[in-house]
Amino acid sequence: MHEMSLAESMLQIIEDSASSNRFARVKTVWVEVGQLAGVEPEALRFCFDAVTQNSVAEGAQLEIIETAGEGRCLSCGKTVNLAQRYDPCPECGGYPVEVTGGTEMRIKELEVD
């Protein structure tokens, strides 16, 4: 379950931000997760709740914004949306499709007190 280490990294980023921006509590965390990032949203929510106990983010709501996967077909050259890695090109049915987006995960915004 790599979501636990992702949640721990998120907490570290939040605590660093709390220290540098001088806020004491986080109410909501918006995080963008690419469809091809290999992150299970429900597992991330569970791990986030576990690691934020006794921290500035304890009780914070985690809002996950899923972003689409994207790739470039090396057969037809088109940029296409991808639901999964290793899928054929939805335009021409060709392979391979080079993944160009949707693998990222980042904290987009914090609502703080």
Foldseek 3Di string as FASTA:
>chain_A
DCLLVVLVVVLVVVVVCCVVVVFQAWAEWEKEAFLAQPDDVVVNQVNNQVVCVPGRYHNHHYHYHYDWWWWAAPVPGDIDTDNYAQAAGPVPRHDDTGTDDRNDMDTDDIDTD
